[in-house]
N, C-alpha and C. Protein backbone atom coordinates (compact mmCIF):
# COMPACT_ATOMS: atom_id res chain seq x y z
N UNK A 1 38.81 -16.44 89.43
CA UNK A 1 39.56 -15.62 88.50
C UNK A 1 38.90 -14.25 88.35
N UNK A 2 37.58 -14.29 88.20
CA UNK A 2 36.84 -13.04 88.04
C UNK A 2 36.99 -12.19 89.30
N UNK A 3 36.98 -12.80 90.47
CA UNK A 3 37.11 -12.09 91.74
C UNK A 3 38.48 -11.42 91.85
N UNK A 4 39.54 -12.13 91.48
CA UNK A 4 40.89 -11.54 91.52
C UNK A 4 40.97 -10.34 90.59
N UNK A 5 40.40 -10.49 89.42
CA UNK A 5 40.43 -9.41 88.43
C UNK A 5 39.67 -8.20 88.98
N UNK A 6 38.51 -8.40 89.60
CA UNK A 6 37.72 -7.31 90.18
C UNK A 6 38.49 -6.63 91.30
N UNK A 7 39.15 -7.43 92.14
CA UNK A 7 39.95 -6.88 93.23
C UNK A 7 41.10 -6.06 92.66
N UNK A 8 41.76 -6.58 91.64
CA UNK A 8 42.89 -5.86 91.03
C UNK A 8 42.42 -4.55 90.41
N UNK A 9 41.29 -4.56 89.74
CA UNK A 9 40.76 -3.33 89.13
C UNK A 9 40.39 -2.33 90.21
N UNK A 10 39.73 -2.82 91.27
CA UNK A 10 39.34 -1.93 92.37
C UNK A 10 40.56 -1.33 93.05
N UNK A 11 41.59 -2.14 93.26
CA UNK A 11 42.81 -1.65 93.90
C UNK A 11 43.50 -0.61 93.02
N UNK A 12 43.55 -0.84 91.73
CA UNK A 12 44.16 0.12 90.80
C UNK A 12 43.38 1.43 90.80
N UNK A 13 42.05 1.32 90.78
CA UNK A 13 41.21 2.53 90.79
C UNK A 13 41.40 3.30 92.09
N UNK A 14 41.48 2.60 93.21
CA UNK A 14 41.68 3.27 94.50
C UNK A 14 43.03 3.98 94.55
N UNK A 15 44.06 3.32 94.04
CA UNK A 15 45.40 3.93 94.03
C UNK A 15 45.41 5.17 93.14
N UNK A 16 44.77 5.09 91.99
CA UNK A 16 44.71 6.24 91.09
C UNK A 16 43.95 7.39 91.73
N UNK A 17 42.86 7.08 92.41
CA UNK A 17 42.08 8.11 93.09
C UNK A 17 42.90 8.76 94.20
N UNK A 18 43.64 7.97 94.94
CA UNK A 18 44.46 8.52 96.03
C UNK A 18 45.53 9.44 95.49
N UNK A 19 46.18 9.06 94.41
CA UNK A 19 47.20 9.90 93.80
C UNK A 19 46.56 11.17 93.27
N UNK A 20 45.45 11.05 92.59
CA UNK A 20 44.75 12.22 92.05
C UNK A 20 44.30 13.16 93.14
N UNK A 21 43.80 12.61 94.26
CA UNK A 21 43.34 13.46 95.36
C UNK A 21 44.50 14.20 95.99
N UNK A 22 45.63 13.54 96.17
CA UNK A 22 46.76 14.21 96.81
C UNK A 22 47.28 15.35 95.95
N UNK A 23 47.26 15.20 94.64
CA UNK A 23 47.69 16.28 93.75
C UNK A 23 46.68 17.42 93.80
N UNK A 24 45.38 17.09 93.76
CA UNK A 24 44.36 18.12 93.80
C UNK A 24 44.35 18.84 95.14
N UNK A 25 44.49 18.11 96.23
CA UNK A 25 44.43 18.71 97.56
C UNK A 25 45.58 19.68 97.78
N UNK A 26 46.71 19.46 97.13
CA UNK A 26 47.88 20.32 97.30
C UNK A 26 47.80 21.57 96.43
N UNK A 27 46.83 21.64 95.55
CA UNK A 27 46.75 22.73 94.59
C UNK A 27 45.91 23.88 95.15
N UNK A 28 46.58 24.94 95.58
CA UNK A 28 45.92 26.14 96.09
C UNK A 28 46.78 27.33 95.70
N UNK A 29 46.17 28.51 95.71
CA UNK A 29 46.92 29.73 95.40
C UNK A 29 47.63 30.21 96.67
N UNK A 30 48.70 29.50 97.04
CA UNK A 30 49.49 29.83 98.23
C UNK A 30 50.75 30.58 97.82
N UNK A 31 51.24 31.48 98.67
CA UNK A 31 52.45 32.24 98.34
C UNK A 31 53.66 31.35 98.10
N UNK A 32 54.41 31.71 97.09
CA UNK A 32 55.68 31.06 96.78
C UNK A 32 56.84 31.98 97.15
N UNK A 33 56.61 33.29 97.03
CA UNK A 33 57.61 34.29 97.41
C UNK A 33 56.90 35.63 97.58
N UNK A 34 57.61 36.55 98.22
CA UNK A 34 57.03 37.88 98.45
C UNK A 34 58.14 38.92 98.50
N UNK A 35 57.77 40.15 98.15
CA UNK A 35 58.67 41.31 98.26
C UNK A 35 57.90 42.39 99.00
N UNK A 36 58.37 42.79 100.18
CA UNK A 36 59.42 42.22 101.00
C UNK A 36 59.03 40.82 101.48
N UNK A 37 60.04 40.03 101.73
CA UNK A 37 59.82 38.65 102.13
C UNK A 37 59.44 38.56 103.61
N UNK A 38 58.83 37.45 103.94
CA UNK A 38 58.42 37.16 105.31
C UNK A 38 59.61 37.25 106.27
N UNK A 39 59.43 38.02 107.34
CA UNK A 39 60.43 38.10 108.40
C UNK A 39 61.66 38.93 108.09
N UNK A 40 61.71 39.56 106.92
CA UNK A 40 62.91 40.31 106.57
C UNK A 40 62.91 41.71 107.18
N UNK A 41 64.10 42.28 107.25
CA UNK A 41 64.27 43.68 107.63
C UNK A 41 64.84 44.39 106.41
N UNK A 42 64.11 45.36 105.90
CA UNK A 42 64.59 46.15 104.77
C UNK A 42 64.98 47.53 105.29
N UNK A 43 65.93 48.15 104.65
CA UNK A 43 66.40 49.47 105.10
C UNK A 43 65.65 50.61 104.42
N UNK A 44 65.12 50.34 103.24
CA UNK A 44 64.37 51.34 102.50
C UNK A 44 62.91 50.90 102.44
N UNK A 45 62.02 51.81 102.78
CA UNK A 45 60.59 51.49 102.78
C UNK A 45 60.12 51.13 101.36
N UNK A 46 59.43 50.00 101.22
CA UNK A 46 58.95 49.61 99.90
C UNK A 46 57.78 50.48 99.46
N UNK A 47 57.61 50.59 98.15
CA UNK A 47 56.47 51.33 97.59
C UNK A 47 55.31 50.39 97.30
N UNK A 48 55.61 49.07 97.22
CA UNK A 48 54.58 48.07 96.98
C UNK A 48 54.91 46.82 97.79
N UNK A 49 53.90 45.99 97.99
CA UNK A 49 54.10 44.63 98.47
C UNK A 49 53.62 43.74 97.34
N UNK A 50 54.43 42.80 96.96
CA UNK A 50 54.12 41.90 95.84
C UNK A 50 54.26 40.46 96.32
N UNK A 51 53.26 39.64 96.00
CA UNK A 51 53.29 38.23 96.37
C UNK A 51 53.09 37.38 95.12
N UNK A 52 53.95 36.37 94.95
CA UNK A 52 53.82 35.40 93.86
C UNK A 52 53.18 34.15 94.43
N UNK A 53 52.12 33.69 93.78
CA UNK A 53 51.36 32.53 94.24
C UNK A 53 51.63 31.32 93.37
N UNK A 54 51.30 30.13 93.88
CA UNK A 54 51.53 28.88 93.17
C UNK A 54 50.48 28.56 92.12
N UNK A 55 49.34 29.24 92.19
CA UNK A 55 48.28 29.13 91.19
C UNK A 55 47.78 30.52 90.88
N UNK A 56 47.09 30.67 89.79
CA UNK A 56 46.57 31.98 89.40
C UNK A 56 45.45 32.39 90.35
N UNK A 57 45.64 33.51 91.06
CA UNK A 57 44.57 33.98 91.93
C UNK A 57 43.52 34.76 91.13
N UNK A 58 42.27 34.66 91.54
CA UNK A 58 41.20 35.45 90.93
C UNK A 58 41.35 36.86 91.49
N UNK A 59 41.74 37.84 90.66
CA UNK A 59 42.02 39.18 91.18
C UNK A 59 40.79 39.88 91.75
N UNK A 60 39.61 39.51 91.30
CA UNK A 60 38.41 40.16 91.82
C UNK A 60 38.02 39.64 93.21
N UNK A 61 38.57 38.48 93.61
CA UNK A 61 38.23 37.88 94.89
C UNK A 61 39.44 37.77 95.83
N UNK A 62 40.58 38.29 95.40
CA UNK A 62 41.82 38.17 96.17
C UNK A 62 42.29 39.55 96.63
N UNK A 63 43.02 39.58 97.74
CA UNK A 63 43.48 40.87 98.25
C UNK A 63 44.75 40.74 99.08
N UNK A 64 45.47 41.86 99.16
CA UNK A 64 46.63 42.01 100.04
C UNK A 64 46.39 43.29 100.83
N UNK A 65 46.57 43.22 102.14
CA UNK A 65 46.42 44.39 103.01
C UNK A 65 47.67 44.50 103.87
N UNK A 66 48.12 45.73 104.09
CA UNK A 66 49.30 45.97 104.92
C UNK A 66 48.92 46.96 106.01
N UNK A 67 49.26 46.62 107.26
CA UNK A 67 48.99 47.51 108.39
C UNK A 67 50.27 47.74 109.18
N UNK A 68 50.33 48.90 109.85
CA UNK A 68 51.49 49.20 110.69
C UNK A 68 51.28 48.60 112.08
N UNK A 69 52.21 48.84 112.99
CA UNK A 69 52.14 48.22 114.31
C UNK A 69 50.98 48.75 115.15
N UNK A 70 50.38 49.85 114.73
CA UNK A 70 49.19 50.38 115.42
C UNK A 70 47.91 49.83 114.82
N UNK A 71 48.05 49.03 113.75
CA UNK A 71 46.87 48.46 113.10
C UNK A 71 46.27 49.35 112.03
N UNK A 72 46.94 50.45 111.70
CA UNK A 72 46.43 51.35 110.66
C UNK A 72 46.83 50.86 109.28
N UNK A 73 45.88 50.88 108.38
CA UNK A 73 46.11 50.43 107.01
C UNK A 73 47.04 51.41 106.29
N UNK A 74 48.06 50.88 105.61
CA UNK A 74 49.00 51.72 104.87
C UNK A 74 48.94 51.46 103.36
N UNK A 75 47.86 50.80 102.92
CA UNK A 75 47.67 50.60 101.47
C UNK A 75 47.37 51.94 100.82
N UNK A 76 47.88 52.14 99.59
CA UNK A 76 47.63 53.37 98.86
C UNK A 76 46.70 53.13 97.68
N UNK A 77 46.15 51.93 97.57
CA UNK A 77 45.28 51.60 96.45
C UNK A 77 44.86 50.16 96.53
N UNK A 78 44.11 49.71 95.54
CA UNK A 78 43.61 48.33 95.57
C UNK A 78 44.67 47.31 95.16
N UNK A 79 44.42 46.07 95.54
CA UNK A 79 45.26 44.95 95.10
C UNK A 79 45.01 44.73 93.62
N UNK A 80 46.08 44.45 92.87
CA UNK A 80 45.95 44.25 91.42
C UNK A 80 46.91 43.17 90.96
N UNK A 81 46.59 42.56 89.81
CA UNK A 81 47.53 41.64 89.17
C UNK A 81 48.71 42.44 88.65
N UNK A 82 49.89 41.84 88.69
CA UNK A 82 51.07 42.46 88.11
C UNK A 82 50.99 42.23 86.60
N UNK A 83 50.99 43.29 85.78
CA UNK A 83 50.86 43.12 84.34
C UNK A 83 51.89 42.13 83.77
N UNK A 84 51.39 41.16 83.01
CA UNK A 84 52.26 40.16 82.38
C UNK A 84 52.68 39.03 83.30
N UNK A 85 52.22 39.04 84.56
CA UNK A 85 52.60 38.01 85.54
C UNK A 85 51.35 37.53 86.27
N UNK A 86 50.60 36.61 85.68
CA UNK A 86 49.30 36.20 86.24
C UNK A 86 49.35 35.53 87.61
N UNK A 87 50.53 35.11 88.06
CA UNK A 87 50.65 34.50 89.38
C UNK A 87 50.95 35.52 90.48
N UNK A 88 51.11 36.80 90.11
CA UNK A 88 51.54 37.81 91.06
C UNK A 88 50.47 38.86 91.32
N UNK A 89 50.29 39.17 92.60
CA UNK A 89 49.43 40.27 93.02
C UNK A 89 50.30 41.30 93.73
N UNK A 90 49.88 42.59 93.65
CA UNK A 90 50.60 43.64 94.35
C UNK A 90 49.63 44.66 94.90
N UNK A 91 50.07 45.36 95.93
CA UNK A 91 49.31 46.47 96.48
C UNK A 91 50.29 47.62 96.69
N UNK A 92 49.92 48.83 96.23
CA UNK A 92 50.79 49.99 96.48
C UNK A 92 50.67 50.43 97.94
N UNK A 93 51.75 51.02 98.45
CA UNK A 93 51.78 51.47 99.83
C UNK A 93 51.91 52.99 99.91
N UNK A 94 51.36 53.56 100.99
CA UNK A 94 51.59 54.96 101.30
C UNK A 94 53.06 55.10 101.69
N UNK A 95 53.52 56.30 101.85
CA UNK A 95 54.88 56.51 102.34
C UNK A 95 54.92 56.02 103.79
N UNK A 96 55.76 55.03 104.05
CA UNK A 96 55.82 54.45 105.39
C UNK A 96 57.20 54.67 105.99
N UNK A 97 57.28 54.69 107.30
CA UNK A 97 58.53 54.89 108.01
C UNK A 97 59.03 53.60 108.63
N UNK A 98 60.02 53.75 109.49
CA UNK A 98 60.56 52.58 110.18
C UNK A 98 59.50 51.96 111.07
N UNK A 99 59.54 50.64 111.16
CA UNK A 99 58.60 49.92 112.00
C UNK A 99 58.33 48.54 111.45
N UNK A 100 57.46 47.81 112.15
CA UNK A 100 57.06 46.47 111.73
C UNK A 100 55.69 46.57 111.06
N UNK A 101 55.56 45.89 109.94
CA UNK A 101 54.32 45.90 109.16
C UNK A 101 53.82 44.47 108.99
N UNK A 102 52.51 44.33 109.04
CA UNK A 102 51.89 43.02 108.87
C UNK A 102 51.16 42.99 107.53
N UNK A 103 51.47 41.97 106.75
CA UNK A 103 50.84 41.74 105.46
C UNK A 103 49.83 40.61 105.63
N UNK A 104 48.59 40.86 105.28
CA UNK A 104 47.59 39.79 105.25
C UNK A 104 47.15 39.62 103.81
N UNK A 105 46.93 38.39 103.44
CA UNK A 105 46.51 38.10 102.06
C UNK A 105 45.37 37.11 102.06
N UNK A 106 44.56 37.22 101.02
CA UNK A 106 43.45 36.30 100.79
C UNK A 106 43.42 36.02 99.30
N UNK A 107 43.39 34.75 98.93
CA UNK A 107 43.28 34.41 97.52
C UNK A 107 42.17 33.40 97.31
N UNK A 108 41.56 33.51 96.15
CA UNK A 108 40.66 32.48 95.66
C UNK A 108 41.28 32.03 94.35
N UNK A 109 41.60 30.75 94.26
CA UNK A 109 42.26 30.21 93.08
C UNK A 109 41.32 30.18 91.89
N UNK A 110 41.79 30.68 90.75
CA UNK A 110 41.02 30.55 89.51
C UNK A 110 40.98 29.10 89.05
N UNK A 111 41.93 28.28 89.51
CA UNK A 111 42.03 26.89 89.08
C UNK A 111 40.99 26.02 89.76
N UNK A 112 40.90 26.12 91.11
CA UNK A 112 40.01 25.20 91.83
C UNK A 112 39.00 25.90 92.74
N UNK A 113 39.01 27.23 92.80
CA UNK A 113 38.05 27.97 93.61
C UNK A 113 38.31 27.92 95.10
N UNK A 114 39.44 27.37 95.53
CA UNK A 114 39.74 27.28 96.96
C UNK A 114 40.17 28.63 97.52
N UNK A 115 39.69 28.92 98.71
CA UNK A 115 40.06 30.12 99.44
C UNK A 115 41.27 29.81 100.31
N UNK A 116 42.25 30.70 100.29
CA UNK A 116 43.42 30.56 101.16
C UNK A 116 43.70 31.93 101.76
N UNK A 117 44.12 31.96 103.02
CA UNK A 117 44.44 33.21 103.70
C UNK A 117 45.73 33.05 104.48
N UNK A 118 46.36 34.14 104.81
CA UNK A 118 47.56 34.08 105.61
C UNK A 118 48.07 35.46 105.96
N UNK A 119 49.12 35.49 106.75
CA UNK A 119 49.72 36.75 107.18
C UNK A 119 51.19 36.54 107.49
N UNK A 120 51.95 37.61 107.37
CA UNK A 120 53.36 37.59 107.77
C UNK A 120 53.79 39.02 108.08
N UNK A 121 54.94 39.17 108.70
CA UNK A 121 55.44 40.49 109.05
C UNK A 121 56.80 40.74 108.39
N UNK A 122 57.09 42.03 108.15
CA UNK A 122 58.42 42.46 107.72
C UNK A 122 58.72 43.76 108.46
N UNK A 123 59.99 44.10 108.53
CA UNK A 123 60.38 45.32 109.22
C UNK A 123 61.07 46.30 108.29
N UNK A 124 60.85 47.58 108.53
CA UNK A 124 61.57 48.65 107.83
C UNK A 124 62.48 49.29 108.86
N UNK A 125 63.79 49.10 108.72
CA UNK A 125 64.76 49.67 109.63
C UNK A 125 64.80 49.00 110.99
N UNK A 126 63.96 48.03 111.23
CA UNK A 126 63.92 47.28 112.48
C UNK A 126 63.65 45.82 112.17
N UNK A 127 64.01 44.98 113.11
CA UNK A 127 63.78 43.55 112.92
C UNK A 127 62.30 43.22 113.07
N UNK A 128 61.84 42.31 112.24
CA UNK A 128 60.45 41.83 112.34
C UNK A 128 60.37 40.65 113.29
N UNK A 129 61.50 40.24 113.86
CA UNK A 129 61.53 39.06 114.72
C UNK A 129 60.64 39.20 115.94
N UNK A 130 60.46 40.39 116.46
CA UNK A 130 59.64 40.60 117.64
C UNK A 130 58.16 40.76 117.34
N UNK A 131 57.79 40.68 116.07
CA UNK A 131 56.38 40.87 115.70
C UNK A 131 55.53 39.74 116.26
N UNK A 132 54.33 40.11 116.67
CA UNK A 132 53.44 39.10 117.24
C UNK A 132 52.81 38.22 116.16
N UNK A 133 52.92 38.62 114.91
CA UNK A 133 52.36 37.83 113.81
C UNK A 133 53.38 36.84 113.32
N UNK A 134 53.05 35.58 113.38
CA UNK A 134 53.86 34.54 112.76
C UNK A 134 53.24 34.24 111.42
N UNK A 135 54.00 33.71 110.51
CA UNK A 135 53.44 33.35 109.22
C UNK A 135 52.33 32.33 109.45
N UNK A 136 51.15 32.67 109.00
CA UNK A 136 50.03 31.76 109.15
C UNK A 136 49.37 31.59 107.80
N UNK A 137 48.84 30.42 107.58
CA UNK A 137 48.13 30.11 106.34
C UNK A 137 46.95 29.23 106.67
N UNK A 138 45.86 29.44 105.98
CA UNK A 138 44.74 28.53 106.10
C UNK A 138 44.11 28.37 104.73
N UNK A 139 43.54 27.21 104.51
CA UNK A 139 42.93 26.90 103.22
C UNK A 139 41.53 26.39 103.51
N UNK A 140 40.57 26.91 102.77
CA UNK A 140 39.19 26.45 102.89
C UNK A 140 38.75 25.97 101.52
N UNK A 141 38.36 24.71 101.43
CA UNK A 141 37.89 24.14 100.18
C UNK A 141 36.39 24.34 100.08
N UNK A 142 35.89 24.65 98.89
CA UNK A 142 34.45 24.78 98.76
C UNK A 142 33.77 23.44 98.98
N UNK A 143 32.51 23.45 99.48
CA UNK A 143 31.82 22.18 99.75
C UNK A 143 31.59 21.36 98.50
């Protein structure tokens, strides 16, 4: 009887740990949406790039960078939190023309300290479909 009870307790604890781990492992400051969005073609050059994340990013350790098809940075200032919207980061852009632009982002979650990075492309007046950058994401958990 004692053995069955121990097995049942151990099984319950293992199941709870598995559920808890899967919820924790899925929790990272990953993009939920962006303006301009991944792969879109916009007709008017944006003045900012804004990304909404699934967790609050640490603004001092997170960044957004935008480069043109020649690899030149077109940021006009630092990445900052959007006032009143703790899940959103933005970066102002220089005056940009038609072409394909690559957005790279790096976040460190204030919730769990996990580092996440990624990139995507958008086009101004042209399709971003031919861009060599595909949406990529990576997550690094602290040891």
